[in-house]
Amino acid sequence: MDAEKEAAVLYIMNHAKKDDILVTQDTGLASILVNRGVTVLSPRGKEFKEEDMDQILHFCFLSAKERRKGSYSKGPKPFTDEDRQHFTKIF
C-alpha cells in the first residue's frame, strides 16, 4: 500500500465514529469500523454487517493467497445503472 492510501485509511480510522456512514471497498477498514458502530457500505450499496466480516475477510485472504501464486480472477463486474439505482435508493 502506498503512503498516500495508507494515510487516507489511517485518517478515516482515526476520525470515523459511531453512527457515521462510510462507503469503501476496503474490507479490512470495513471490519474495523463496523465493530465501532460505523455503517459501512460497499460502492454498490451492500452494507457490511459485523456477523459477516469473518467470512468476508477469509474470502479476501484466500483471494490474496491465490494472487500471490499468480492466479488472478476477472475482477468485479462493471458498475451498472442498476447498481447506481440500488445505491441511491439507500439514501
N, C-alpha and C. Protein backbone atom coordinates (compact mmCIF):
# COMPACT_ATOMS: atom_id res chain seq x y z
N MET A 1 0.86 -1.17 0.00
CA MET A 1 0.00 0.00 0.00
C MET A 1 0.91 1.23 0.00
N ASP A 2 0.62 2.18 -0.89
CA ASP A 2 1.47 3.36 -0.91
C ASP A 2 1.12 4.31 0.22
N ALA A 3 2.02 5.25 0.50
CA ALA A 3 1.89 6.12 1.67
C ALA A 3 0.62 6.96 1.65
N GLU A 4 0.21 7.45 0.48
CA GLU A 4 -1.00 8.28 0.41
C GLU A 4 -2.25 7.48 0.76
N LYS A 5 -2.35 6.27 0.22
CA LYS A 5 -3.51 5.43 0.54
C LYS A 5 -3.51 5.07 2.01
N GLU A 6 -2.34 4.74 2.53
CA GLU A 6 -2.24 4.38 3.94
C GLU A 6 -2.62 5.57 4.82
N ALA A 7 -2.21 6.76 4.43
CA ALA A 7 -2.56 7.96 5.20
C ALA A 7 -4.07 8.18 5.20
N ALA A 8 -4.70 7.95 4.06
CA ALA A 8 -6.16 8.13 3.98
C ALA A 8 -6.88 7.12 4.87
N VAL A 9 -6.44 5.88 4.85
CA VAL A 9 -7.05 4.84 5.68
C VAL A 9 -6.86 5.18 7.16
N LEU A 10 -5.67 5.60 7.53
CA LEU A 10 -5.41 5.96 8.93
C LEU A 10 -6.26 7.16 9.36
N TYR A 11 -6.41 8.13 8.47
CA TYR A 11 -7.25 9.28 8.80
C TYR A 11 -8.69 8.85 9.06
N ILE A 12 -9.21 8.01 8.16
CA ILE A 12 -10.59 7.53 8.32
C ILE A 12 -10.73 6.74 9.61
N MET A 13 -9.78 5.84 9.88
CA MET A 13 -9.84 5.04 11.11
C MET A 13 -9.83 5.91 12.35
N ASN A 14 -9.05 6.99 12.32
CA ASN A 14 -8.91 7.84 13.50
C ASN A 14 -10.07 8.82 13.67
N HIS A 15 -10.84 9.08 12.61
CA HIS A 15 -11.89 10.09 12.69
C HIS A 15 -13.31 9.55 12.58
N ALA A 16 -13.48 8.34 12.08
CA ALA A 16 -14.83 7.77 11.97
C ALA A 16 -15.34 7.42 13.36
N LYS A 17 -16.62 7.71 13.57
CA LYS A 17 -17.20 7.43 14.88
C LYS A 17 -18.56 6.78 14.72
N LYS A 18 -19.06 6.27 15.81
CA LYS A 18 -20.36 5.58 15.81
C LYS A 18 -21.40 6.43 15.10
N ASP A 19 -22.22 5.77 14.30
CA ASP A 19 -23.31 6.37 13.53
C ASP A 19 -22.85 7.13 12.29
N ASP A 20 -21.54 7.17 12.00
CA ASP A 20 -21.08 7.70 10.71
C ASP A 20 -21.41 6.69 9.63
N ILE A 21 -21.37 7.15 8.38
CA ILE A 21 -21.57 6.27 7.23
C ILE A 21 -20.33 6.36 6.36
N LEU A 22 -19.79 5.22 5.99
CA LEU A 22 -18.59 5.16 5.16
C LEU A 22 -18.87 4.28 3.96
N VAL A 23 -18.42 4.72 2.79
CA VAL A 23 -18.50 3.92 1.58
C VAL A 23 -17.08 3.52 1.21
N THR A 24 -16.81 2.22 1.16
CA THR A 24 -15.47 1.73 0.85
C THR A 24 -15.55 0.32 0.29
N GLN A 25 -14.52 -0.06 -0.44
CA GLN A 25 -14.40 -1.46 -0.84
C GLN A 25 -13.24 -2.11 -0.10
N ASP A 26 -12.65 -1.39 0.84
CA ASP A 26 -11.56 -1.89 1.68
C ASP A 26 -12.17 -2.71 2.81
N THR A 27 -12.13 -4.02 2.68
CA THR A 27 -12.79 -4.89 3.66
C THR A 27 -12.09 -4.86 5.02
N GLY A 28 -10.79 -4.66 5.03
CA GLY A 28 -10.07 -4.56 6.30
C GLY A 28 -10.54 -3.35 7.08
N LEU A 29 -10.62 -2.21 6.41
CA LEU A 29 -11.12 -0.99 7.03
C LEU A 29 -12.57 -1.18 7.46
N ALA A 30 -13.36 -1.80 6.61
CA ALA A 30 -14.77 -2.04 6.93
C ALA A 30 -14.90 -2.86 8.21
N SER A 31 -14.08 -3.90 8.35
CA SER A 31 -14.20 -4.78 9.52
C SER A 31 -13.88 -4.03 10.81
N ILE A 32 -12.91 -3.15 10.76
CA ILE A 32 -12.56 -2.38 11.95
C ILE A 32 -13.69 -1.42 12.32
N LEU A 33 -14.21 -0.71 11.33
CA LEU A 33 -15.20 0.33 11.60
C LEU A 33 -16.58 -0.23 11.92
N VAL A 34 -16.95 -1.35 11.33
CA VAL A 34 -18.24 -1.97 11.65
C VAL A 34 -18.28 -2.31 13.14
N ASN A 35 -17.16 -2.77 13.66
CA ASN A 35 -17.09 -3.11 15.09
C ASN A 35 -17.20 -1.88 15.98
N ARG A 36 -16.99 -0.71 15.42
CA ARG A 36 -17.10 0.54 16.18
C ARG A 36 -18.47 1.20 16.03
N GLY A 37 -19.37 0.55 15.31
CA GLY A 37 -20.71 1.11 15.15
C GLY A 37 -20.87 2.03 13.96
N VAL A 38 -19.88 2.03 13.07
CA VAL A 38 -19.97 2.81 11.83
C VAL A 38 -20.75 1.99 10.81
N THR A 39 -21.66 2.63 10.08
CA THR A 39 -22.36 1.96 8.99
C THR A 39 -21.43 1.98 7.78
N VAL A 40 -21.08 0.81 7.28
CA VAL A 40 -20.13 0.71 6.17
C VAL A 40 -20.84 0.07 4.98
N LEU A 41 -20.78 0.75 3.84
CA LEU A 41 -21.40 0.28 2.60
C LEU A 41 -20.34 0.05 1.55
N SER A 42 -20.60 -0.93 0.69
CA SER A 42 -19.75 -1.11 -0.47
C SER A 42 -20.15 -0.06 -1.51
N PRO A 43 -19.32 0.16 -2.53
CA PRO A 43 -19.70 1.11 -3.58
C PRO A 43 -20.99 0.71 -4.31
N ARG A 44 -21.39 -0.54 -4.20
CA ARG A 44 -22.64 -0.99 -4.83
C ARG A 44 -23.83 -0.91 -3.87
N GLY A 45 -23.58 -0.46 -2.64
CA GLY A 45 -24.67 -0.25 -1.70
C GLY A 45 -24.93 -1.40 -0.76
N LYS A 46 -24.09 -2.43 -0.77
CA LYS A 46 -24.26 -3.55 0.16
C LYS A 46 -23.68 -3.14 1.51
N GLU A 47 -24.48 -3.33 2.57
CA GLU A 47 -24.00 -2.98 3.90
C GLU A 47 -23.16 -4.11 4.47
N PHE A 48 -21.99 -3.76 4.97
CA PHE A 48 -21.15 -4.72 5.67
C PHE A 48 -21.73 -4.90 7.07
N LYS A 49 -21.99 -6.14 7.46
CA LYS A 49 -22.54 -6.47 8.77
C LYS A 49 -21.45 -7.14 9.61
N GLU A 50 -21.45 -6.85 10.89
CA GLU A 50 -20.44 -7.40 11.79
C GLU A 50 -20.42 -8.94 11.72
N GLU A 51 -21.60 -9.55 11.66
CA GLU A 51 -21.66 -11.01 11.67
C GLU A 51 -21.13 -11.65 10.38
N ASP A 52 -20.98 -10.87 9.31
CA ASP A 52 -20.48 -11.38 8.03
C ASP A 52 -18.99 -11.15 7.83
N MET A 53 -18.37 -10.36 8.70
CA MET A 53 -16.99 -9.93 8.44
C MET A 53 -15.98 -11.07 8.48
N ASP A 54 -16.15 -12.05 9.34
CA ASP A 54 -15.19 -13.17 9.37
C ASP A 54 -15.17 -13.88 8.02
N GLN A 55 -16.33 -14.14 7.47
CA GLN A 55 -16.41 -14.82 6.19
C GLN A 55 -15.85 -13.94 5.06
N ILE A 56 -16.18 -12.67 5.07
CA ILE A 56 -15.69 -11.74 4.04
C ILE A 56 -14.16 -11.66 4.09
N LEU A 57 -13.61 -11.49 5.30
CA LEU A 57 -12.15 -11.39 5.44
C LEU A 57 -11.46 -12.70 5.06
N HIS A 58 -12.08 -13.83 5.38
CA HIS A 58 -11.49 -15.12 5.00
C HIS A 58 -11.44 -15.25 3.48
N PHE A 59 -12.52 -14.86 2.80
CA PHE A 59 -12.54 -14.90 1.34
C PHE A 59 -11.46 -13.98 0.76
N CYS A 60 -11.29 -12.80 1.33
CA CYS A 60 -10.25 -11.87 0.86
C CYS A 60 -8.86 -12.46 1.06
N PHE A 61 -8.66 -13.14 2.20
CA PHE A 61 -7.39 -13.80 2.48
C PHE A 61 -7.10 -14.87 1.43
N LEU A 62 -8.11 -15.69 1.13
CA LEU A 62 -7.92 -16.74 0.13
C LEU A 62 -7.65 -16.15 -1.25
N SER A 63 -8.33 -15.07 -1.60
CA SER A 63 -8.12 -14.42 -2.89
C SER A 63 -6.71 -13.85 -2.98
N ALA A 64 -6.23 -13.23 -1.90
CA ALA A 64 -4.88 -12.67 -1.88
C ALA A 64 -3.84 -13.79 -2.01
N LYS A 65 -4.11 -14.90 -1.35
CA LYS A 65 -3.21 -16.05 -1.42
C LYS A 65 -3.10 -16.56 -2.87
N GLU A 66 -4.23 -16.63 -3.55
CA GLU A 66 -4.24 -17.05 -4.96
C GLU A 66 -3.49 -16.06 -5.84
N ARG A 67 -3.67 -14.75 -5.58
CA ARG A 67 -2.96 -13.74 -6.38
C ARG A 67 -1.45 -13.86 -6.20
N ARG A 68 -1.02 -14.16 -4.97
CA ARG A 68 0.42 -14.34 -4.74
C ARG A 68 0.97 -15.53 -5.52
N LYS A 69 0.12 -16.51 -5.78
CA LYS A 69 0.52 -17.66 -6.59
C LYS A 69 0.49 -17.35 -8.08
N GLY A 70 -0.04 -16.17 -8.44
CA GLY A 70 -0.12 -15.79 -9.85
C GLY A 70 -1.47 -16.04 -10.48
N SER A 71 -2.43 -16.46 -9.70
CA SER A 71 -3.78 -16.73 -10.20
C SER A 71 -4.66 -15.51 -9.95
N TYR A 72 -5.15 -14.91 -11.01
CA TYR A 72 -5.97 -13.71 -10.90
C TYR A 72 -7.38 -13.98 -11.39
N SER A 73 -8.35 -13.42 -10.68
CA SER A 73 -9.74 -13.54 -11.11
C SER A 73 -10.03 -12.44 -12.13
N LYS A 74 -11.23 -12.44 -12.65
CA LYS A 74 -11.62 -11.44 -13.64
C LYS A 74 -11.84 -10.07 -13.01
N GLY A 75 -11.97 -10.02 -11.70
CA GLY A 75 -12.24 -8.75 -11.02
C GLY A 75 -13.73 -8.53 -10.91
N PRO A 76 -14.10 -7.38 -10.37
CA PRO A 76 -15.53 -7.12 -10.16
C PRO A 76 -16.26 -6.87 -11.47
N LYS A 77 -17.56 -7.13 -11.44
CA LYS A 77 -18.38 -6.83 -12.61
C LYS A 77 -18.42 -5.32 -12.81
N PRO A 78 -18.62 -4.87 -14.03
CA PRO A 78 -18.74 -3.43 -14.26
C PRO A 78 -19.91 -2.84 -13.47
N PHE A 79 -19.74 -1.61 -13.04
CA PHE A 79 -20.78 -0.89 -12.30
C PHE A 79 -21.89 -0.53 -13.28
N THR A 80 -23.11 -0.94 -12.97
CA THR A 80 -24.23 -0.76 -13.90
C THR A 80 -25.18 0.33 -13.42
N ASP A 81 -26.10 0.71 -14.29
CA ASP A 81 -27.15 1.66 -13.90
C ASP A 81 -28.00 1.08 -12.76
N GLU A 82 -28.22 -0.23 -12.79
CA GLU A 82 -28.97 -0.89 -11.72
C GLU A 82 -28.23 -0.75 -10.38
N ASP A 83 -26.90 -0.92 -10.41
CA ASP A 83 -26.11 -0.72 -9.19
C ASP A 83 -26.27 0.71 -8.69
N ARG A 84 -26.20 1.66 -9.59
CA ARG A 84 -26.34 3.07 -9.23
C ARG A 84 -27.71 3.34 -8.61
N GLN A 85 -28.75 2.79 -9.21
CA GLN A 85 -30.11 2.98 -8.69
C GLN A 85 -30.25 2.35 -7.31
N HIS A 86 -29.70 1.16 -7.14
CA HIS A 86 -29.76 0.50 -5.84
C HIS A 86 -29.07 1.35 -4.78
N PHE A 87 -27.91 1.87 -5.10
CA PHE A 87 -27.15 2.69 -4.15
C PHE A 87 -27.92 3.97 -3.79
N THR A 88 -28.49 4.62 -4.77
CA THR A 88 -29.18 5.88 -4.50
C THR A 88 -30.49 5.67 -3.72
N LYS A 89 -31.08 4.49 -3.81
CA LYS A 89 -32.31 4.21 -3.05
C LYS A 89 -32.01 4.11 -1.55
N ILE A 90 -30.80 3.79 -1.20
CA ILE A 90 -30.42 3.68 0.21
C ILE A 90 -30.59 5.02 0.90
N PHE A 91 -30.27 6.08 0.20
CA PHE A 91 -30.32 7.40 0.79
C PHE A 91 -31.54 8.14 0.30
